[in-house]
Amino acid sequence: MSILVKFNQALAQEARGQSLNLQKLTKGIQAVLKDANRGFYILAEKDDKVIGSTFINFEWSDWSNAWYWWLLDIYVEPNHRKKDVFRSLYAYLITEAKAADVCGLRLYVYKGNTSAQKVFQKLGMVTSDSLIFEERLFPMP
C-alpha cells in the first residue's frame, strides 16, 4: 500500500502542483483495498519492483446496460516512462474489461497535462463529447 500512497502523492505534485493530505489519502486507498465494490488497483512490475499503477472504479450505464471502468490515478515512475509501461497496463485492462463485458474505458486527465493526453491518444482513446462539471462539497486536500 505504501507504493500507492507514494505514487498518488507524486502524481498530485507533478500533474497539479498539489500536496495531498497523507491521512486522507491512506484511508482512501485502504477503503479500496478492503472493499472491491469501490474499485481495484492494477500494478506494473519490473524485476519484482512496482513501477506503475492505476486505480479502476466503476460507473453503471443504464443506456448500455453495462459497466464503464474509469482509469484514475495513473502513474508510472519517471525513469520508466516512454518504455511502454502504461501501454502494457492498458492492454491488460482492455483484455480484462472485454472478459467482464465492460462497455468502455474512460478517464479524465488534467487539462494542463498535455503529455498524458498524447499518450492516451496514441493508445486509441478519443476525446469524449462530454465535459465534467463538479461542485465540491468539501475542500480538496
N, C-alpha and C. Protein backbone atom coordinates (compact mmCIF):
# COMPACT_ATOMS: atom_id res chain seq x y z
N MET A 1 0.80 -1.19 0.00
CA MET A 1 0.00 0.00 0.00
C MET A 1 0.85 1.27 0.00
N SER A 2 2.01 1.22 0.60
CA SER A 2 2.84 2.42 0.68
C SER A 2 3.25 2.92 -0.71
N ILE A 3 3.40 2.00 -1.67
CA ILE A 3 3.76 2.42 -3.02
C ILE A 3 2.61 3.19 -3.66
N LEU A 4 1.37 2.81 -3.37
CA LEU A 4 0.22 3.53 -3.91
C LEU A 4 0.14 4.93 -3.32
N VAL A 5 0.43 5.06 -2.05
CA VAL A 5 0.47 6.37 -1.41
C VAL A 5 1.55 7.22 -2.07
N LYS A 6 2.72 6.65 -2.24
CA LYS A 6 3.84 7.36 -2.86
C LYS A 6 3.48 7.82 -4.27
N PHE A 7 2.92 6.91 -5.07
CA PHE A 7 2.58 7.24 -6.45
C PHE A 7 1.51 8.33 -6.51
N ASN A 8 0.49 8.26 -5.65
CA ASN A 8 -0.56 9.27 -5.67
C ASN A 8 -0.04 10.64 -5.24
N GLN A 9 0.84 10.66 -4.26
CA GLN A 9 1.45 11.93 -3.85
C GLN A 9 2.26 12.52 -5.00
N ALA A 10 3.04 11.69 -5.67
CA ALA A 10 3.86 12.16 -6.79
C ALA A 10 2.98 12.65 -7.93
N LEU A 11 1.92 11.92 -8.22
CA LEU A 11 1.00 12.31 -9.30
C LEU A 11 0.38 13.67 -9.03
N ALA A 12 -0.12 13.88 -7.83
CA ALA A 12 -0.74 15.16 -7.49
C ALA A 12 0.25 16.30 -7.61
N GLN A 13 1.48 16.06 -7.19
CA GLN A 13 2.50 17.09 -7.25
C GLN A 13 2.90 17.38 -8.70
N GLU A 14 3.14 16.33 -9.48
CA GLU A 14 3.58 16.51 -10.87
C GLU A 14 2.49 17.12 -11.75
N ALA A 15 1.27 16.60 -11.65
CA ALA A 15 0.21 17.00 -12.56
C ALA A 15 -0.46 18.32 -12.17
N ARG A 16 -0.55 18.57 -10.87
CA ARG A 16 -1.31 19.74 -10.43
C ARG A 16 -0.57 20.65 -9.47
N GLY A 17 0.65 20.26 -9.08
CA GLY A 17 1.38 21.06 -8.12
C GLY A 17 0.72 21.08 -6.75
N GLN A 18 0.01 19.99 -6.41
CA GLN A 18 -0.71 19.91 -5.15
C GLN A 18 -0.10 18.87 -4.22
N SER A 19 -0.24 19.12 -2.94
CA SER A 19 0.12 18.13 -1.93
C SER A 19 -1.17 17.54 -1.39
N LEU A 20 -1.21 16.23 -1.24
CA LEU A 20 -2.39 15.56 -0.71
C LEU A 20 -2.25 15.34 0.79
N ASN A 21 -3.37 15.34 1.47
CA ASN A 21 -3.41 15.04 2.89
C ASN A 21 -3.09 13.56 3.06
N LEU A 22 -1.97 13.26 3.69
CA LEU A 22 -1.49 11.88 3.81
C LEU A 22 -2.49 10.97 4.51
N GLN A 23 -3.11 11.44 5.57
CA GLN A 23 -4.06 10.62 6.31
C GLN A 23 -5.29 10.28 5.45
N LYS A 24 -5.84 11.29 4.76
CA LYS A 24 -7.00 11.04 3.90
C LYS A 24 -6.64 10.11 2.75
N LEU A 25 -5.50 10.34 2.14
CA LEU A 25 -5.06 9.50 1.03
C LEU A 25 -4.90 8.05 1.47
N THR A 26 -4.23 7.85 2.59
CA THR A 26 -4.01 6.49 3.09
C THR A 26 -5.34 5.80 3.39
N LYS A 27 -6.26 6.50 4.04
CA LYS A 27 -7.57 5.92 4.34
C LYS A 27 -8.35 5.63 3.06
N GLY A 28 -8.22 6.50 2.07
CA GLY A 28 -8.90 6.29 0.80
C GLY A 28 -8.41 5.05 0.08
N ILE A 29 -7.11 4.84 0.07
CA ILE A 29 -6.53 3.65 -0.55
C ILE A 29 -6.93 2.40 0.24
N GLN A 30 -6.86 2.48 1.55
CA GLN A 30 -7.27 1.35 2.39
C GLN A 30 -8.73 0.97 2.13
N ALA A 31 -9.59 1.96 1.94
CA ALA A 31 -11.00 1.69 1.69
C ALA A 31 -11.19 0.87 0.41
N VAL A 32 -10.42 1.18 -0.61
CA VAL A 32 -10.49 0.42 -1.86
C VAL A 32 -9.98 -1.00 -1.65
N LEU A 33 -8.86 -1.12 -0.96
CA LEU A 33 -8.27 -2.44 -0.76
C LEU A 33 -9.16 -3.35 0.09
N LYS A 34 -9.99 -2.75 0.95
CA LYS A 34 -10.88 -3.53 1.81
C LYS A 34 -12.23 -3.82 1.17
N ASP A 35 -12.60 -3.08 0.14
CA ASP A 35 -13.94 -3.20 -0.44
C ASP A 35 -13.86 -3.15 -1.96
N ALA A 36 -13.94 -4.31 -2.59
CA ALA A 36 -13.81 -4.41 -4.06
C ALA A 36 -14.92 -3.67 -4.79
N ASN A 37 -16.01 -3.34 -4.11
CA ASN A 37 -17.07 -2.57 -4.75
C ASN A 37 -16.65 -1.13 -5.03
N ARG A 38 -15.59 -0.69 -4.38
CA ARG A 38 -15.08 0.67 -4.60
C ARG A 38 -14.14 0.73 -5.80
N GLY A 39 -13.61 -0.41 -6.22
CA GLY A 39 -12.68 -0.43 -7.34
C GLY A 39 -11.53 -1.36 -7.05
N PHE A 40 -10.50 -1.24 -7.88
CA PHE A 40 -9.31 -2.06 -7.70
C PHE A 40 -8.11 -1.36 -8.33
N TYR A 41 -6.94 -1.81 -7.93
CA TYR A 41 -5.69 -1.28 -8.46
C TYR A 41 -5.03 -2.31 -9.36
N ILE A 42 -4.40 -1.83 -10.41
CA ILE A 42 -3.56 -2.66 -11.28
C ILE A 42 -2.14 -2.12 -11.14
N LEU A 43 -1.20 -3.02 -10.93
CA LEU A 43 0.20 -2.62 -10.75
C LEU A 43 1.04 -3.13 -11.90
N ALA A 44 2.01 -2.34 -12.29
CA ALA A 44 3.01 -2.76 -13.27
C ALA A 44 4.30 -3.03 -12.51
N GLU A 45 4.92 -4.17 -12.79
CA GLU A 45 6.15 -4.55 -12.10
C GLU A 45 7.26 -4.83 -13.09
N LYS A 46 8.47 -4.58 -12.65
CA LYS A 46 9.66 -4.95 -13.40
C LYS A 46 10.69 -5.40 -12.38
N ASP A 47 11.24 -6.57 -12.59
CA ASP A 47 12.23 -7.13 -11.66
C ASP A 47 11.72 -7.12 -10.22
N ASP A 48 10.47 -7.53 -10.03
CA ASP A 48 9.82 -7.62 -8.72
C ASP A 48 9.67 -6.27 -8.01
N LYS A 49 9.71 -5.18 -8.78
CA LYS A 49 9.53 -3.85 -8.21
C LYS A 49 8.34 -3.19 -8.90
N VAL A 50 7.45 -2.59 -8.12
CA VAL A 50 6.30 -1.89 -8.69
C VAL A 50 6.79 -0.58 -9.29
N ILE A 51 6.48 -0.38 -10.58
CA ILE A 51 6.95 0.81 -11.29
C ILE A 51 5.79 1.66 -11.83
N GLY A 52 4.57 1.16 -11.69
CA GLY A 52 3.43 1.91 -12.17
C GLY A 52 2.14 1.35 -11.61
N SER A 53 1.09 2.16 -11.67
CA SER A 53 -0.20 1.71 -11.16
C SER A 53 -1.32 2.54 -11.75
N THR A 54 -2.52 2.00 -11.67
CA THR A 54 -3.73 2.76 -11.95
C THR A 54 -4.85 2.21 -11.08
N PHE A 55 -5.75 3.09 -10.74
CA PHE A 55 -6.93 2.75 -9.95
C PHE A 55 -8.13 2.68 -10.88
N ILE A 56 -8.91 1.63 -10.76
CA ILE A 56 -10.11 1.46 -11.58
C ILE A 56 -11.33 1.54 -10.68
N ASN A 57 -12.29 2.39 -11.06
CA ASN A 57 -13.59 2.31 -10.40
C ASN A 57 -14.68 2.25 -11.45
N PHE A 58 -15.92 2.16 -11.01
CA PHE A 58 -16.99 1.71 -11.89
C PHE A 58 -18.10 2.75 -12.04
N GLU A 59 -18.68 2.78 -13.22
CA GLU A 59 -19.85 3.60 -13.50
C GLU A 59 -20.86 2.73 -14.26
N TRP A 60 -22.06 2.59 -13.72
CA TRP A 60 -23.10 1.83 -14.40
C TRP A 60 -23.76 2.71 -15.45
N SER A 61 -23.92 2.18 -16.65
CA SER A 61 -24.60 2.88 -17.73
C SER A 61 -25.96 2.24 -17.97
N ASP A 62 -27.01 2.97 -17.65
CA ASP A 62 -28.34 2.44 -17.95
C ASP A 62 -28.58 2.42 -19.45
N TRP A 63 -27.97 3.33 -20.18
CA TRP A 63 -28.14 3.35 -21.63
C TRP A 63 -27.53 2.11 -22.28
N SER A 64 -26.41 1.65 -21.75
CA SER A 64 -25.72 0.49 -22.32
C SER A 64 -26.03 -0.80 -21.58
N ASN A 65 -26.66 -0.68 -20.42
CA ASN A 65 -26.89 -1.84 -19.56
C ASN A 65 -25.58 -2.58 -19.30
N ALA A 66 -24.58 -1.80 -18.99
CA ALA A 66 -23.23 -2.36 -18.76
C ALA A 66 -22.40 -1.36 -17.97
N TRP A 67 -21.25 -1.83 -17.53
CA TRP A 67 -20.33 -1.01 -16.74
C TRP A 67 -19.31 -0.31 -17.62
N TYR A 68 -18.96 0.90 -17.23
CA TYR A 68 -17.74 1.56 -17.69
C TYR A 68 -16.72 1.39 -16.58
N TRP A 69 -15.48 1.24 -16.96
CA TRP A 69 -14.38 1.30 -16.00
C TRP A 69 -13.68 2.63 -16.18
N TRP A 70 -13.51 3.33 -15.09
CA TRP A 70 -12.78 4.60 -15.08
C TRP A 70 -11.35 4.34 -14.63
N LEU A 71 -10.40 4.80 -15.41
CA LEU A 71 -8.98 4.71 -15.07
C LEU A 71 -8.62 6.00 -14.34
N LEU A 72 -8.18 5.86 -13.12
CA LEU A 72 -7.85 7.02 -12.29
C LEU A 72 -6.44 6.85 -11.72
N ASP A 73 -5.87 7.94 -11.30
CA ASP A 73 -4.59 7.91 -10.59
C ASP A 73 -3.53 7.10 -11.34
N ILE A 74 -3.42 7.35 -12.63
CA ILE A 74 -2.44 6.64 -13.47
C ILE A 74 -1.06 7.21 -13.19
N TYR A 75 -0.13 6.34 -12.84
CA TYR A 75 1.22 6.81 -12.53
C TYR A 75 2.25 5.77 -12.94
N VAL A 76 3.31 6.25 -13.58
CA VAL A 76 4.48 5.43 -13.90
C VAL A 76 5.70 6.20 -13.40
N GLU A 77 6.58 5.51 -12.71
CA GLU A 77 7.78 6.17 -12.20
C GLU A 77 8.54 6.85 -13.35
N PRO A 78 9.07 8.04 -13.11
CA PRO A 78 9.69 8.81 -14.19
C PRO A 78 10.76 8.05 -14.99
N ASN A 79 11.60 7.27 -14.33
CA ASN A 79 12.67 6.57 -15.06
C ASN A 79 12.15 5.38 -15.88
N HIS A 80 10.85 5.10 -15.79
CA HIS A 80 10.26 4.01 -16.58
C HIS A 80 9.26 4.52 -17.62
N ARG A 81 9.15 5.83 -17.74
CA ARG A 81 8.23 6.40 -18.73
C ARG A 81 8.82 6.26 -20.13
N LYS A 82 7.92 6.26 -21.10
CA LYS A 82 8.29 6.09 -22.52
C LYS A 82 8.94 4.75 -22.77
N LYS A 83 8.56 3.77 -21.95
CA LYS A 83 9.07 2.40 -22.11
C LYS A 83 7.91 1.41 -22.17
N ASP A 84 6.75 1.88 -22.59
CA ASP A 84 5.56 1.05 -22.79
C ASP A 84 4.98 0.45 -21.51
N VAL A 85 5.29 1.02 -20.36
CA VAL A 85 4.72 0.50 -19.11
C VAL A 85 3.21 0.72 -19.09
N PHE A 86 2.78 1.96 -19.36
CA PHE A 86 1.34 2.19 -19.35
C PHE A 86 0.67 1.47 -20.51
N ARG A 87 1.32 1.38 -21.65
CA ARG A 87 0.75 0.64 -22.78
C ARG A 87 0.45 -0.80 -22.36
N SER A 88 1.34 -1.41 -21.60
CA SER A 88 1.12 -2.78 -21.12
C SER A 88 -0.04 -2.85 -20.13
N LEU A 89 -0.10 -1.89 -19.20
CA LEU A 89 -1.21 -1.82 -18.26
C LEU A 89 -2.54 -1.68 -19.01
N TYR A 90 -2.54 -0.81 -19.99
CA TYR A 90 -3.75 -0.54 -20.76
C TYR A 90 -4.19 -1.77 -21.55
N ALA A 91 -3.25 -2.45 -22.18
CA ALA A 91 -3.58 -3.67 -22.93
C ALA A 91 -4.18 -4.72 -22.00
N TYR A 92 -3.60 -4.85 -20.82
CA TYR A 92 -4.14 -5.79 -19.84
C TYR A 92 -5.57 -5.41 -19.45
N LEU A 93 -5.80 -4.13 -19.21
CA LEU A 93 -7.13 -3.67 -18.83
C LEU A 93 -8.15 -3.89 -19.94
N ILE A 94 -7.76 -3.68 -21.18
CA ILE A 94 -8.65 -3.93 -22.31
C ILE A 94 -9.08 -5.40 -22.31
N THR A 95 -8.12 -6.29 -22.15
CA THR A 95 -8.42 -7.73 -22.13
C THR A 95 -9.36 -8.07 -20.99
N GLU A 96 -9.05 -7.57 -19.79
CA GLU A 96 -9.89 -7.86 -18.62
C GLU A 96 -11.28 -7.25 -18.76
N ALA A 97 -11.35 -6.04 -19.29
CA ALA A 97 -12.64 -5.37 -19.45
C ALA A 97 -13.53 -6.12 -20.45
N LYS A 98 -12.95 -6.56 -21.53
CA LYS A 98 -13.73 -7.33 -22.51
C LYS A 98 -14.24 -8.62 -21.89
N ALA A 99 -13.41 -9.29 -21.11
CA ALA A 99 -13.81 -10.54 -20.46
C ALA A 99 -14.94 -10.31 -19.45
N ALA A 100 -14.99 -9.11 -18.88
CA ALA A 100 -16.02 -8.77 -17.88
C ALA A 100 -17.23 -8.07 -18.51
N ASP A 101 -17.29 -8.04 -19.84
CA ASP A 101 -18.39 -7.39 -20.56
C ASP A 101 -18.54 -5.91 -20.21
N VAL A 102 -17.43 -5.25 -19.98
CA VAL A 102 -17.42 -3.81 -19.74
C VAL A 102 -17.64 -3.11 -21.08
N CYS A 103 -18.47 -2.07 -21.09
CA CYS A 103 -18.80 -1.44 -22.37
C CYS A 103 -17.77 -0.40 -22.81
N GLY A 104 -16.92 0.06 -21.90
CA GLY A 104 -15.92 1.04 -22.30
C GLY A 104 -15.01 1.43 -21.16
N LEU A 105 -13.88 2.00 -21.53
CA LEU A 105 -12.94 2.55 -20.56
C LEU A 105 -12.99 4.07 -20.68
N ARG A 106 -12.95 4.72 -19.56
CA ARG A 106 -12.96 6.18 -19.53
C ARG A 106 -11.89 6.67 -18.57
N LEU A 107 -11.49 7.90 -18.79
CA LEU A 107 -10.61 8.56 -17.83
C LEU A 107 -10.78 10.05 -17.99
N TYR A 108 -10.39 10.75 -16.97
CA TYR A 108 -10.27 12.19 -17.12
C TYR A 108 -8.83 12.53 -16.85
N VAL A 109 -8.39 13.57 -17.52
CA VAL A 109 -7.00 13.99 -17.41
C VAL A 109 -6.99 15.49 -17.16
N TYR A 110 -6.12 15.92 -16.30
CA TYR A 110 -5.97 17.35 -16.02
C TYR A 110 -5.69 18.06 -17.34
N LYS A 111 -6.43 19.12 -17.63
CA LYS A 111 -6.33 19.76 -18.94
C LYS A 111 -4.95 20.32 -19.24
N GLY A 112 -4.16 20.57 -18.23
CA GLY A 112 -2.81 21.06 -18.45
C GLY A 112 -1.79 19.95 -18.69
N ASN A 113 -2.20 18.71 -18.54
CA ASN A 113 -1.28 17.58 -18.68
C ASN A 113 -1.30 17.07 -20.12
N THR A 114 -0.72 17.86 -21.01
CA THR A 114 -0.77 17.54 -22.44
C THR A 114 0.06 16.31 -22.79
N SER A 115 1.11 16.04 -22.05
CA SER A 115 1.92 14.84 -22.36
C SER A 115 1.10 13.58 -22.10
N ALA A 116 0.33 13.55 -21.03
CA ALA A 116 -0.53 12.39 -20.76
C ALA A 116 -1.62 12.27 -21.82
N GLN A 117 -2.17 13.39 -22.24
CA GLN A 117 -3.21 13.37 -23.27
C GLN A 117 -2.68 12.72 -24.55
N LYS A 118 -1.46 13.04 -24.91
CA LYS A 118 -0.85 12.45 -26.12
C LYS A 118 -0.70 10.94 -25.97
N VAL A 119 -0.32 10.48 -24.78
CA VAL A 119 -0.18 9.04 -24.53
C VAL A 119 -1.53 8.36 -24.75
N PHE A 120 -2.59 8.92 -24.19
CA PHE A 120 -3.91 8.30 -24.30
C PHE A 120 -4.39 8.28 -25.75
N GLN A 121 -4.11 9.34 -26.48
CA GLN A 121 -4.49 9.39 -27.89
C GLN A 121 -3.73 8.34 -28.71
N LYS A 122 -2.46 8.16 -28.42
CA LYS A 122 -1.67 7.15 -29.13
C LYS A 122 -2.20 5.74 -28.89
N LEU A 123 -2.83 5.53 -27.75
CA LEU A 123 -3.40 4.22 -27.44
C LEU A 123 -4.75 4.00 -28.11
N GLY A 124 -5.28 5.04 -28.73
CA GLY A 124 -6.55 4.91 -29.43
C GLY A 124 -7.73 5.54 -28.71
N MET A 125 -7.49 6.13 -27.56
CA MET A 125 -8.58 6.80 -26.85
C MET A 125 -8.89 8.11 -27.57
N VAL A 126 -10.14 8.52 -27.50
CA VAL A 126 -10.57 9.76 -28.14
C VAL A 126 -11.18 10.69 -27.10
N THR A 127 -11.16 11.97 -27.41
CA THR A 127 -11.78 12.95 -26.54
C THR A 127 -13.28 12.74 -26.56
N SER A 128 -13.86 12.67 -25.40
CA SER A 128 -15.31 12.48 -25.27
C SER A 128 -16.04 13.74 -25.70
N ASP A 129 -17.30 13.58 -26.05
CA ASP A 129 -18.12 14.75 -26.36
C ASP A 129 -18.76 15.33 -25.10
N SER A 130 -18.41 14.79 -23.95
CA SER A 130 -18.94 15.27 -22.67
C SER A 130 -17.87 16.04 -21.92
N LEU A 131 -18.30 16.97 -21.11
CA LEU A 131 -17.42 17.69 -20.20
C LEU A 131 -17.76 17.25 -18.78
N ILE A 132 -16.81 17.39 -17.89
CA ILE A 132 -17.06 17.06 -16.49
C ILE A 132 -17.29 18.36 -15.73
N PHE A 133 -18.39 18.41 -15.00
CA PHE A 133 -18.68 19.51 -14.10
C PHE A 133 -18.66 18.95 -12.69
N GLU A 134 -18.35 19.80 -11.74
CA GLU A 134 -18.35 19.34 -10.36
C GLU A 134 -18.74 20.47 -9.43
N GLU A 135 -19.20 20.09 -8.28
CA GLU A 135 -19.41 21.01 -7.17
C GLU A 135 -18.76 20.37 -5.96
N ARG A 136 -17.73 20.99 -5.48
CA ARG A 136 -17.01 20.44 -4.32
C ARG A 136 -17.82 20.68 -3.05
N LEU A 137 -18.05 19.62 -2.32
CA LEU A 137 -18.82 19.71 -1.09
C LEU A 137 -17.93 19.88 0.13
N PHE A 138 -16.65 19.67 -0.06
CA PHE A 138 -15.66 20.00 0.95
C PHE A 138 -14.35 20.25 0.21
N PRO A 139 -13.43 20.97 0.83
CA PRO A 139 -12.21 21.36 0.12
C PRO A 139 -11.35 20.17 -0.28
N MET A 140 -10.66 20.34 -1.39
CA MET A 140 -9.68 19.33 -1.81
C MET A 140 -8.56 19.30 -0.79
N PRO A 141 -7.91 18.13 -0.67
CA PRO A 141 -6.80 18.03 0.29
C PRO A 141 -5.66 18.97 -0.04
